[in-house]
C-alpha cells in the first residue's frame, strides 16, 4: 500500500514555480496597453492631418473655381475686358449672405459679386485681376489658420 501514497514533492515544485511567475501577466497587460495607447495616438494624429489636408484641398478647389468664374465673366463681356482689372482689397472682403446684384453696371456687378463669393467661400479670401493686352491674370489668396498672414494662393492666367 505504500506504493499508492501520493507524492507531494511534485506538487510543491509546481507551487514554487507559480510563485516565481507571480505578476508576470500584469506586466504583459501593461506593456500591451502601452503599445495600444501609442497606436491610438498615432491614429489620432493621422486623422487630424487628414482633416487639415482635406480642408486645404477644399479651399484650393474653391479658389480655382472662383478664378474660372472670373474668367467666364470676362469672356462673356469681352468688350469691357480692361474694366475688369481690380487690385486686391486691403482687407479681405466680408461675406454678405443677403447680397443682391445692383444691376447698374455689368462689370461693377461682376466684380462685386465675385468679391462677395471670395469672402463667403474662402477663409480670409481676397483676389485681384490684372489685364494686360488680352491676357487676364487672376490671383486669389486665403488664410488656412496656420498663423501666417496668407497661407494659400492660386494664380491663373488666360488669354481672352
N, C-alpha and C. Protein backbone atom coordinates (compact mmCIF):
# COMPACT_ATOMS: atom_id res chain seq x y z
N UNK A 1 0.79 -1.19 0.00
CA UNK A 1 0.00 0.00 0.00
C UNK A 1 0.84 1.26 0.00
N UNK A 2 2.04 1.09 0.34
CA UNK A 2 2.89 2.27 0.34
C UNK A 2 3.09 2.82 -1.06
N UNK A 3 2.90 2.01 -2.06
CA UNK A 3 3.07 2.49 -3.42
C UNK A 3 1.91 3.37 -3.88
N UNK A 4 0.79 3.35 -3.19
CA UNK A 4 -0.35 4.17 -3.56
C UNK A 4 -0.32 5.55 -2.91
N UNK A 5 0.68 5.81 -2.15
CA UNK A 5 0.79 7.11 -1.50
C UNK A 5 1.10 8.20 -2.53
N UNK A 6 0.32 9.26 -2.48
CA UNK A 6 0.63 10.34 -3.43
C UNK A 6 1.92 11.06 -3.06
N UNK A 7 2.63 11.50 -4.08
CA UNK A 7 3.87 12.22 -3.85
C UNK A 7 3.59 13.72 -3.86
N UNK A 8 3.86 14.37 -2.77
CA UNK A 8 3.64 15.81 -2.66
C UNK A 8 4.85 16.62 -3.15
N UNK A 9 5.89 15.94 -3.42
CA UNK A 9 7.11 16.59 -3.86
C UNK A 9 6.87 17.33 -5.19
N UNK A 10 6.21 16.74 -6.16
CA UNK A 10 5.95 17.37 -7.46
C UNK A 10 4.97 18.53 -7.34
N UNK A 11 3.99 18.40 -6.46
CA UNK A 11 3.02 19.46 -6.26
C UNK A 11 3.71 20.69 -5.68
N UNK A 12 4.62 20.47 -4.76
CA UNK A 12 5.32 21.60 -4.15
C UNK A 12 6.21 22.30 -5.17
N UNK A 13 6.85 21.56 -6.03
CA UNK A 13 7.69 22.18 -7.05
C UNK A 13 6.84 23.07 -7.98
N UNK A 14 5.68 22.59 -8.38
CA UNK A 14 4.78 23.37 -9.22
C UNK A 14 4.32 24.63 -8.52
N UNK A 15 4.10 24.56 -7.24
CA UNK A 15 3.67 25.71 -6.46
C UNK A 15 4.77 26.76 -6.38
N UNK A 16 5.99 26.30 -6.21
CA UNK A 16 7.11 27.24 -6.14
C UNK A 16 7.30 27.96 -7.48
N UNK A 17 7.14 27.27 -8.59
CA UNK A 17 7.31 27.93 -9.89
C UNK A 17 6.20 28.94 -10.14
N UNK A 18 5.00 28.73 -9.61
CA UNK A 18 3.92 29.69 -9.73
C UNK A 18 4.26 30.96 -8.96
N UNK A 19 4.91 30.82 -7.80
CA UNK A 19 5.30 31.99 -7.03
C UNK A 19 6.32 32.82 -7.78
N UNK A 20 7.22 32.17 -8.47
CA UNK A 20 8.25 32.90 -9.23
C UNK A 20 7.65 33.68 -10.39
N UNK A 21 6.53 33.25 -10.93
CA UNK A 21 5.89 33.92 -12.08
C UNK A 21 4.79 34.88 -11.66
N UNK A 22 4.58 35.10 -10.40
CA UNK A 22 3.51 35.98 -9.93
C UNK A 22 3.75 37.39 -10.43
N UNK A 23 2.72 38.03 -11.05
CA UNK A 23 2.81 39.40 -11.54
C UNK A 23 3.26 39.50 -12.99
N UNK A 24 3.72 38.39 -13.56
CA UNK A 24 4.19 38.41 -14.94
C UNK A 24 3.05 38.74 -15.91
N UNK A 25 1.87 38.22 -15.70
CA UNK A 25 0.71 38.51 -16.55
C UNK A 25 0.32 39.97 -16.50
N UNK A 26 0.44 40.60 -15.33
CA UNK A 26 0.11 42.02 -15.19
C UNK A 26 1.07 42.89 -15.99
N UNK A 27 2.33 42.54 -16.00
CA UNK A 27 3.33 43.30 -16.78
C UNK A 27 3.02 43.16 -18.27
N UNK A 28 2.66 41.98 -18.71
CA UNK A 28 2.30 41.79 -20.12
C UNK A 28 1.10 42.67 -20.50
N UNK A 29 0.12 42.73 -19.63
CA UNK A 29 -1.06 43.55 -19.89
C UNK A 29 -0.69 45.02 -19.96
N UNK A 30 0.15 45.49 -19.05
CA UNK A 30 0.56 46.90 -19.05
C UNK A 30 1.34 47.25 -20.31
N UNK A 31 2.23 46.36 -20.73
CA UNK A 31 3.02 46.61 -21.95
C UNK A 31 2.10 46.64 -23.17
N UNK A 32 1.14 45.71 -23.24
CA UNK A 32 0.23 45.71 -24.39
C UNK A 32 -0.66 46.96 -24.38
N UNK A 33 -1.05 47.44 -23.20
CA UNK A 33 -1.84 48.67 -23.13
C UNK A 33 -1.02 49.87 -23.58
N UNK A 34 0.26 49.90 -23.25
CA UNK A 34 1.15 50.97 -23.69
C UNK A 34 1.27 50.97 -25.22
N UNK A 35 1.46 49.80 -25.80
CA UNK A 35 1.56 49.70 -27.26
C UNK A 35 0.25 50.13 -27.91
N UNK A 36 -0.87 49.74 -27.34
CA UNK A 36 -2.17 50.14 -27.86
C UNK A 36 -2.36 51.65 -27.77
N UNK A 37 -1.96 52.25 -26.64
CA UNK A 37 -2.09 53.71 -26.47
C UNK A 37 -1.25 54.46 -27.49
N UNK A 38 -0.04 54.01 -27.75
CA UNK A 38 0.81 54.66 -28.75
C UNK A 38 0.19 54.53 -30.13
N UNK A 39 -0.36 53.38 -30.43
CA UNK A 39 -1.03 53.19 -31.72
C UNK A 39 -2.23 54.09 -31.88
N UNK A 40 -3.02 54.24 -30.82
CA UNK A 40 -4.19 55.12 -30.89
C UNK A 40 -3.79 56.59 -31.04
N UNK A 41 -2.71 57.00 -30.39
CA UNK A 41 -2.22 58.38 -30.56
C UNK A 41 -1.77 58.61 -32.00
N UNK A 42 -1.11 57.64 -32.58
CA UNK A 42 -0.70 57.74 -33.98
C UNK A 42 -1.90 57.84 -34.90
N UNK A 43 -2.93 57.07 -34.61
CA UNK A 43 -4.15 57.10 -35.40
C UNK A 43 -4.85 58.45 -35.29
N UNK A 44 -4.89 59.01 -34.09
CA UNK A 44 -5.50 60.34 -33.89
C UNK A 44 -4.72 61.41 -34.66
N UNK A 45 -3.39 61.31 -34.65
CA UNK A 45 -2.57 62.26 -35.39
C UNK A 45 -2.82 62.14 -36.89
N UNK A 46 -2.94 60.93 -37.36
CA UNK A 46 -3.23 60.70 -38.78
C UNK A 46 -4.58 61.28 -39.17
N UNK A 47 -5.57 61.12 -38.31
CA UNK A 47 -6.91 61.66 -38.57
C UNK A 47 -6.88 63.19 -38.62
N UNK A 48 -6.16 63.82 -37.70
CA UNK A 48 -6.05 65.27 -37.67
C UNK A 48 -5.37 65.80 -38.93
N UNK A 49 -4.30 65.14 -39.33
CA UNK A 49 -3.59 65.54 -40.54
C UNK A 49 -4.49 65.39 -41.77
N UNK A 50 -5.25 64.32 -41.82
CA UNK A 50 -6.16 64.09 -42.93
C UNK A 50 -7.23 65.16 -43.01
N UNK A 51 -7.78 65.56 -41.87
CA UNK A 51 -8.80 66.61 -41.87
C UNK A 51 -8.22 67.94 -42.33
N UNK A 52 -7.01 68.25 -41.88
CA UNK A 52 -6.35 69.50 -42.28
C UNK A 52 -6.10 69.52 -43.78
N UNK A 53 -5.59 68.43 -44.31
CA UNK A 53 -5.31 68.36 -45.75
C UNK A 53 -6.60 68.40 -46.56
N UNK A 54 -7.65 67.81 -46.04
CA UNK A 54 -8.94 67.84 -46.72
C UNK A 54 -9.47 69.27 -46.82
N UNK A 55 -9.36 70.03 -45.73
CA UNK A 55 -9.81 71.42 -45.74
C UNK A 55 -8.97 72.25 -46.71
N UNK A 56 -7.67 72.00 -46.75
CA UNK A 56 -6.80 72.74 -47.67
C UNK A 56 -7.15 72.42 -49.12
N UNK A 57 -7.45 71.17 -49.40
CA UNK A 57 -7.84 70.78 -50.75
C UNK A 57 -9.16 71.43 -51.15
N UNK A 58 -10.10 71.50 -50.22
CA UNK A 58 -11.38 72.16 -50.50
C UNK A 58 -11.15 73.63 -50.82
N UNK A 59 -10.32 74.31 -50.03
CA UNK A 59 -10.04 75.74 -50.27
C UNK A 59 -9.37 75.94 -51.62
N UNK A 60 -8.42 75.09 -51.97
CA UNK A 60 -7.74 75.24 -53.26
C UNK A 60 -8.72 75.01 -54.41
N UNK A 61 -9.60 74.03 -54.28
CA UNK A 61 -10.60 73.78 -55.32
C UNK A 61 -11.55 74.96 -55.46
N UNK A 62 -11.97 75.54 -54.33
CA UNK A 62 -12.85 76.72 -54.38
C UNK A 62 -12.14 77.88 -55.07
N UNK A 63 -10.87 78.07 -54.76
CA UNK A 63 -10.12 79.17 -55.38
C UNK A 63 -10.02 78.99 -56.89
N UNK A 64 -9.78 77.77 -57.33
CA UNK A 64 -9.70 77.51 -58.77
C UNK A 64 -11.05 77.77 -59.43
N UNK A 65 -12.12 77.34 -58.79
CA UNK A 65 -13.46 77.59 -59.35
C UNK A 65 -13.79 79.08 -59.39
N UNK A 66 -13.36 79.83 -58.36
CA UNK A 66 -13.60 81.27 -58.35
C UNK A 66 -12.79 81.99 -59.42
N UNK A 67 -11.56 81.54 -59.66
CA UNK A 67 -10.75 82.13 -60.73
C UNK A 67 -11.41 81.85 -62.08
N UNK A 68 -11.86 80.63 -62.27
CA UNK A 68 -12.55 80.27 -63.51
C UNK A 68 -13.85 81.07 -63.67
N UNK A 69 -14.53 81.31 -62.56
CA UNK A 69 -15.75 82.12 -62.59
C UNK A 69 -15.45 83.53 -63.13
N UNK A 70 -14.35 84.12 -62.67
CA UNK A 70 -14.00 85.46 -63.16
C UNK A 70 -13.62 85.42 -64.64
N UNK A 71 -12.90 84.38 -65.07
CA UNK A 71 -12.57 84.26 -66.50
C UNK A 71 -13.84 84.19 -67.34
N UNK A 72 -14.82 83.43 -66.88
CA UNK A 72 -16.07 83.30 -67.63
C UNK A 72 -16.86 84.61 -67.66
N UNK A 73 -16.83 85.35 -66.57
CA UNK A 73 -17.50 86.67 -66.55
C UNK A 73 -16.84 87.61 -67.56
N UNK A 74 -15.52 87.60 -67.61
CA UNK A 74 -14.81 88.46 -68.56
C UNK A 74 -15.06 87.99 -69.99
N UNK A 75 -15.03 86.69 -70.20
CA UNK A 75 -15.26 86.14 -71.53
C UNK A 75 -16.66 86.52 -72.04
N UNK A 76 -17.63 86.57 -71.16
CA UNK A 76 -18.99 86.93 -71.55
C UNK A 76 -19.14 88.41 -71.85
N UNK A 77 -18.19 89.23 -71.41
CA UNK A 77 -18.26 90.68 -71.60
C UNK A 77 -16.91 91.19 -72.14
N UNK A 78 -16.45 90.61 -73.23
CA UNK A 78 -15.12 90.92 -73.78
C UNK A 78 -14.93 92.38 -74.17
N UNK A 79 -16.00 93.05 -74.51
CA UNK A 79 -15.88 94.44 -74.92
C UNK A 79 -15.35 95.32 -73.79
N UNK A 80 -15.57 94.93 -72.56
CA UNK A 80 -15.13 95.71 -71.39
C UNK A 80 -14.00 95.02 -70.64
N UNK A 81 -13.16 94.27 -71.33
CA UNK A 81 -12.14 93.44 -70.68
C UNK A 81 -11.22 94.27 -69.78
N UNK A 82 -10.84 95.46 -70.22
CA UNK A 82 -9.91 96.27 -69.42
C UNK A 82 -10.55 96.82 -68.15
N UNK A 83 -11.86 96.87 -68.11
CA UNK A 83 -12.55 97.39 -66.93
C UNK A 83 -12.56 96.39 -65.78
N UNK A 84 -12.21 95.14 -66.05
CA UNK A 84 -12.22 94.11 -65.01
C UNK A 84 -10.97 94.12 -64.14
N UNK A 85 -9.97 94.92 -64.51
CA UNK A 85 -8.75 94.98 -63.70
C UNK A 85 -9.09 95.54 -62.33
N UNK A 86 -8.80 94.78 -61.29
CA UNK A 86 -9.10 95.20 -59.92
C UNK A 86 -7.97 94.71 -59.02
N UNK A 87 -7.55 95.61 -58.14
CA UNK A 87 -6.50 95.24 -57.19
C UNK A 87 -7.13 94.52 -56.01
N UNK A 88 -6.32 93.72 -55.32
CA UNK A 88 -6.81 93.04 -54.12
C UNK A 88 -7.17 94.09 -53.06
N UNK A 89 -8.24 93.84 -52.37
CA UNK A 89 -8.66 94.76 -51.31
C UNK A 89 -7.64 94.72 -50.17
N UNK A 90 -7.50 95.84 -49.48
CA UNK A 90 -6.56 95.90 -48.35
C UNK A 90 -6.92 94.89 -47.27
N UNK A 91 -8.19 94.77 -46.99
CA UNK A 91 -8.66 93.73 -46.08
C UNK A 91 -9.55 92.79 -46.87
N UNK A 92 -9.60 91.57 -46.45
CA UNK A 92 -10.38 90.57 -47.17
C UNK A 92 -11.86 90.97 -47.18
N UNK A 93 -12.53 90.78 -48.31
CA UNK A 93 -13.95 91.10 -48.38
C UNK A 93 -14.74 90.24 -47.39
N UNK A 94 -15.78 90.83 -46.83
CA UNK A 94 -16.62 90.08 -45.90
C UNK A 94 -17.75 89.40 -46.67
N UNK A 95 -18.29 88.37 -46.07
CA UNK A 95 -19.38 87.64 -46.70
C UNK A 95 -20.71 88.30 -46.37
N UNK A 96 -21.46 88.60 -47.40
CA UNK A 96 -22.81 89.14 -47.23
C UNK A 96 -23.77 88.10 -47.80
N UNK A 97 -24.36 87.30 -46.93
CA UNK A 97 -25.25 86.23 -47.41
C UNK A 97 -26.53 86.78 -48.03
N UNK A 98 -26.85 88.03 -47.77
CA UNK A 98 -28.05 88.64 -48.35
C UNK A 98 -27.69 89.50 -49.57
N UNK A 99 -26.52 89.26 -50.17
CA UNK A 99 -26.06 90.07 -51.30
C UNK A 99 -27.02 89.97 -52.47
N UNK A 100 -27.27 91.12 -53.07
CA UNK A 100 -28.10 91.18 -54.28
C UNK A 100 -27.37 92.04 -55.30
N UNK A 101 -27.45 91.64 -56.55
CA UNK A 101 -26.80 92.37 -57.62
C UNK A 101 -27.53 93.70 -57.82
N UNK A 102 -26.76 94.78 -57.96
CA UNK A 102 -27.34 96.12 -58.09
C UNK A 102 -27.93 96.37 -59.48
N UNK A 103 -27.48 95.63 -60.49
CA UNK A 103 -27.94 95.79 -61.87
C UNK A 103 -27.74 97.20 -62.41
N UNK A 104 -26.63 97.82 -62.04
CA UNK A 104 -26.33 99.16 -62.57
C UNK A 104 -25.30 99.08 -63.69
N UNK A 105 -24.25 98.31 -63.49
CA UNK A 105 -23.18 98.16 -64.46
C UNK A 105 -22.71 96.71 -64.43
N UNK A 106 -22.60 96.08 -65.57
CA UNK A 106 -22.27 94.66 -65.62
C UNK A 106 -20.91 94.39 -64.98
N UNK A 107 -19.91 95.19 -65.32
CA UNK A 107 -18.57 94.98 -64.79
C UNK A 107 -18.54 95.17 -63.28
N UNK A 108 -19.14 96.27 -62.81
CA UNK A 108 -19.16 96.54 -61.37
C UNK A 108 -19.93 95.44 -60.63
N UNK A 109 -21.03 94.97 -61.21
CA UNK A 109 -21.80 93.89 -60.59
C UNK A 109 -21.00 92.59 -60.55
N UNK A 110 -20.30 92.28 -61.65
CA UNK A 110 -19.48 91.06 -61.70
C UNK A 110 -18.39 91.09 -60.64
N UNK A 111 -17.70 92.22 -60.53
CA UNK A 111 -16.61 92.33 -59.56
C UNK A 111 -17.14 92.26 -58.14
N UNK A 112 -18.23 92.97 -57.86
CA UNK A 112 -18.79 92.96 -56.51
C UNK A 112 -19.29 91.56 -56.12
N UNK A 113 -19.94 90.87 -57.04
CA UNK A 113 -20.44 89.53 -56.75
C UNK A 113 -19.27 88.55 -56.55
N UNK A 114 -18.23 88.67 -57.37
CA UNK A 114 -17.05 87.81 -57.25
C UNK A 114 -16.35 88.04 -55.92
N UNK A 115 -16.19 89.32 -55.52
CA UNK A 115 -15.55 89.60 -54.24
C UNK A 115 -16.39 89.08 -53.07
N UNK A 116 -17.70 89.17 -53.17
CA UNK A 116 -18.56 88.61 -52.13
C UNK A 116 -18.38 87.09 -52.06
N UNK A 117 -18.27 86.45 -53.20
CA UNK A 117 -18.05 85.00 -53.24
C UNK A 117 -16.71 84.63 -52.61
N UNK A 118 -15.69 85.47 -52.84
CA UNK A 118 -14.39 85.23 -52.20
C UNK A 118 -14.53 85.25 -50.68
N UNK A 119 -15.26 86.24 -50.18
CA UNK A 119 -15.45 86.36 -48.74
C UNK A 119 -16.28 85.23 -48.14
N UNK A 120 -17.23 84.73 -48.93
CA UNK A 120 -18.12 83.67 -48.41
C UNK A 120 -17.51 82.27 -48.51
N UNK A 121 -16.75 82.01 -49.56
CA UNK A 121 -16.30 80.64 -49.82
C UNK A 121 -14.89 80.32 -49.35
N UNK A 122 -14.09 81.35 -49.10
CA UNK A 122 -12.71 81.11 -48.65
C UNK A 122 -12.46 81.85 -47.34
N UNK A 123 -11.79 81.25 -46.38
CA UNK A 123 -11.48 81.95 -45.13
C UNK A 123 -10.46 83.06 -45.39
N UNK A 124 -10.88 84.29 -45.18
CA UNK A 124 -9.99 85.42 -45.45
C UNK A 124 -9.67 85.56 -46.93
N UNK A 125 -10.58 85.13 -47.80
CA UNK A 125 -10.33 85.13 -49.24
C UNK A 125 -10.24 86.54 -49.81
N UNK A 126 -9.30 86.73 -50.70
CA UNK A 126 -9.08 88.01 -51.35
C UNK A 126 -8.61 87.74 -52.77
N UNK A 127 -8.85 88.66 -53.68
CA UNK A 127 -8.45 88.42 -55.05
C UNK A 127 -8.14 89.68 -55.82
N UNK A 128 -7.37 89.50 -56.88
CA UNK A 128 -7.01 90.60 -57.78
C UNK A 128 -7.09 90.10 -59.21
N UNK A 129 -7.42 91.02 -60.11
CA UNK A 129 -7.48 90.70 -61.54
C UNK A 129 -6.60 91.71 -62.27
N UNK A 130 -5.72 91.20 -63.11
CA UNK A 130 -4.86 92.07 -63.92
C UNK A 130 -5.13 91.76 -65.39
N UNK A 131 -5.22 92.81 -66.18
CA UNK A 131 -5.46 92.65 -67.62
C UNK A 131 -4.31 93.33 -68.34
N UNK A 132 -3.66 92.59 -69.25
CA UNK A 132 -2.53 93.14 -69.98
C UNK A 132 -2.57 92.59 -71.40
N UNK A 133 -3.01 93.42 -72.34
CA UNK A 133 -3.06 93.07 -73.77
C UNK A 133 -3.81 91.77 -74.01
N UNK A 134 -4.98 91.65 -73.43
CA UNK A 134 -5.81 90.47 -73.66
C UNK A 134 -5.47 89.27 -72.79
N UNK A 135 -4.43 89.39 -71.97
CA UNK A 135 -4.07 88.30 -71.05
C UNK A 135 -4.58 88.68 -69.67
N UNK A 136 -5.42 87.83 -69.12
CA UNK A 136 -6.02 88.09 -67.80
C UNK A 136 -5.35 87.19 -66.77
N UNK A 137 -4.90 87.79 -65.69
CA UNK A 137 -4.30 87.05 -64.59
C UNK A 137 -5.17 87.25 -63.35
N UNK A 138 -5.58 86.15 -62.74
CA UNK A 138 -6.40 86.19 -61.54
C UNK A 138 -5.57 85.61 -60.39
N UNK A 139 -5.38 86.42 -59.35
CA UNK A 139 -4.66 85.99 -58.14
C UNK A 139 -5.67 85.90 -57.00
N UNK A 140 -5.69 84.77 -56.33
CA UNK A 140 -6.59 84.57 -55.18
C UNK A 140 -5.75 84.09 -54.01
N UNK A 141 -5.97 84.70 -52.84
CA UNK A 141 -5.28 84.29 -51.62
C UNK A 141 -6.31 84.01 -50.54
N UNK A 142 -5.92 83.19 -49.57
CA UNK A 142 -6.80 82.88 -48.43
C UNK A 142 -5.95 82.45 -47.25
N UNK A 143 -6.56 82.44 -46.08
CA UNK A 143 -5.89 82.03 -44.85
C UNK A 143 -6.31 80.61 -44.50
N UNK A 144 -5.37 79.84 -43.94
CA UNK A 144 -5.69 78.47 -43.53
C UNK A 144 -5.47 78.27 -42.04
N UNK A 145 -5.43 79.36 -41.29
CA UNK A 145 -5.31 79.32 -39.83
C UNK A 145 -4.03 78.64 -39.34
N UNK A 146 -2.94 78.83 -40.06
CA UNK A 146 -1.67 78.29 -39.59
C UNK A 146 -0.81 79.37 -38.94
N UNK A 147 -1.32 80.57 -38.84
CA UNK A 147 -0.58 81.65 -38.20
C UNK A 147 0.04 82.61 -39.19
N UNK A 148 0.21 82.21 -40.43
CA UNK A 148 0.76 83.11 -41.44
C UNK A 148 -0.34 84.05 -41.90
N UNK A 149 0.06 85.22 -42.43
CA UNK A 149 -0.96 86.17 -42.88
C UNK A 149 -1.68 85.66 -44.12
N UNK A 150 -0.97 85.05 -45.04
CA UNK A 150 -1.57 84.46 -46.23
C UNK A 150 -0.99 83.06 -46.38
N UNK A 151 -1.84 82.07 -46.31
CA UNK A 151 -1.35 80.70 -46.34
C UNK A 151 -1.52 80.03 -47.69
N UNK A 152 -2.62 80.32 -48.36
CA UNK A 152 -2.86 79.67 -49.64
C UNK A 152 -3.00 80.69 -50.75
N UNK A 153 -2.59 80.31 -51.94
CA UNK A 153 -2.75 81.22 -53.08
C UNK A 153 -2.83 80.42 -54.37
N UNK A 154 -3.58 80.99 -55.31
CA UNK A 154 -3.71 80.42 -56.64
C UNK A 154 -3.58 81.56 -57.62
N UNK A 155 -2.78 81.37 -58.65
CA UNK A 155 -2.66 82.35 -59.74
C UNK A 155 -2.96 81.61 -61.03
N UNK A 156 -3.94 82.14 -61.76
CA UNK A 156 -4.29 81.54 -63.05
C UNK A 156 -4.25 82.63 -64.11
N UNK A 157 -3.87 82.23 -65.32
CA UNK A 157 -3.72 83.18 -66.42
C UNK A 157 -4.40 82.62 -67.65
N UNK A 158 -5.08 83.48 -68.37
CA UNK A 158 -5.76 83.04 -69.61
C UNK A 158 -5.73 84.17 -70.62
N UNK A 159 -5.58 83.78 -71.88
CA UNK A 159 -5.66 84.76 -72.97
C UNK A 159 -7.10 84.76 -73.46
N UNK A 160 -7.74 85.92 -73.29
CA UNK A 160 -9.15 86.02 -73.70
C UNK A 160 -9.24 86.88 -74.91
